Amino acid sequence: MGVGTITITPDDLKILIKETFIEVLKERKDLLEDAVIEAIEDIGLARAMSEGIKTPSVSEDEIFKALDEVKLS
């Protein structure tokens, strides 16, 4: 049995890809939710890093001292 050839126009391929993408999103909403959550977390981390660069540095000892004070509260 030979292998057949299928010819598809770029417009038909575009429609097929869009329909497939929509179907995946409908069936696997969790994939989109996970991607959005990860993007929001990345934005938050980037903002925190940007703010951290602007603030003065503290020593490791100061950090652990502050953490110990929180534990005792």
Protein backbone atom coordinates (compact mmCIF):
# COMPACT_ATOMS: atom_id res chain seq x y z
CA MET A 1 0.00 0.00 0.00
CA GLY A 2 1.55 3.33 -1.05
CA VAL A 3 1.65 6.59 0.81
CA GLY A 4 -0.78 9.17 -0.56
CA THR A 5 -0.23 12.88 -0.82
CA ILE A 6 -2.58 15.45 0.61
CA THR A 7 -2.52 18.98 -0.70
CA ILE A 8 -3.86 21.78 1.47
CA THR A 9 -3.94 25.48 0.78
CA PRO A 10 -2.37 27.91 3.26
CA ASP A 11 -5.83 29.32 4.05
CA ASP A 12 -7.24 25.84 4.75
CA LEU A 13 -4.23 25.04 6.93
CA LYS A 14 -4.74 28.27 8.87
CA ILE A 15 -8.41 27.39 9.48
CA LEU A 16 -7.50 23.85 10.54
CA ILE A 17 -4.88 25.10 13.01
CA LYS A 18 -7.29 27.65 14.48
CA GLU A 19 -10.04 25.05 14.91
CA THR A 20 -7.62 22.62 16.52
CA PHE A 21 -6.31 25.29 18.87
CA ILE A 22 -9.85 26.27 19.91
CA GLU A 23 -10.76 22.63 20.49
CA VAL A 24 -7.70 22.07 22.68
CA LEU A 25 -8.50 25.18 24.73
CA LYS A 26 -12.09 24.03 25.23
CA GLU A 27 -11.06 20.53 26.29
CA ARG A 28 -8.01 21.53 28.34
CA LYS A 29 -8.88 24.84 30.01
CA ASP A 30 -6.30 24.02 32.66
CA LEU A 31 -3.51 24.54 30.12
CA LEU A 32 -4.55 28.12 29.52
CA GLU A 33 -5.13 28.73 33.22
CA ASP A 34 -1.66 27.41 34.05
CA ALA A 35 -0.08 29.58 31.37
CA VAL A 36 -1.85 32.71 32.64
CA ILE A 37 -0.94 31.97 36.25
CA GLU A 38 2.69 31.41 35.31
CA ALA A 39 2.76 34.65 33.31
CA ILE A 40 1.34 36.61 36.26
CA GLU A 41 3.89 35.04 38.61
CA ASP A 42 6.69 35.92 36.19
CA ILE A 43 5.50 39.53 36.04
CA GLY A 44 5.36 39.70 39.83
CA LEU A 45 8.84 38.24 40.15
CA ALA A 46 10.22 40.68 37.58
CA ARG A 47 8.67 43.60 39.47
CA ALA A 48 10.04 42.35 42.78
CA MET A 49 13.50 41.99 41.27
CA SER A 50 13.28 45.48 39.80
CA GLU A 51 12.27 46.92 43.17
CA GLY A 52 14.97 44.89 44.92
CA ILE A 53 17.67 46.40 42.72
CA LYS A 54 16.59 49.88 43.84
CA THR A 55 16.77 49.13 47.57
CA PRO A 56 19.88 48.94 49.74
CA SER A 57 21.39 45.52 50.36
CA VAL A 58 21.21 43.80 53.73
CA SER A 59 23.44 41.17 55.21
CA GLU A 60 22.51 37.53 55.55
CA ASP A 61 22.65 37.93 59.34
CA GLU A 62 20.03 40.70 59.21
CA ILE A 63 17.73 38.50 57.15
CA PHE A 64 17.99 35.56 59.54
CA LYS A 65 17.53 37.87 62.54
CA ALA A 66 14.30 39.24 61.00
CA LEU A 67 13.09 35.70 60.23
CA ASP A 68 13.80 34.61 63.82
CA GLU A 69 11.81 37.58 65.12
CA VAL A 70 8.85 36.58 62.95
CA LYS A 71 9.05 32.99 64.21
CA LEU A 72 8.95 34.17 67.81
CA SER A 73 5.88 36.35 67.26
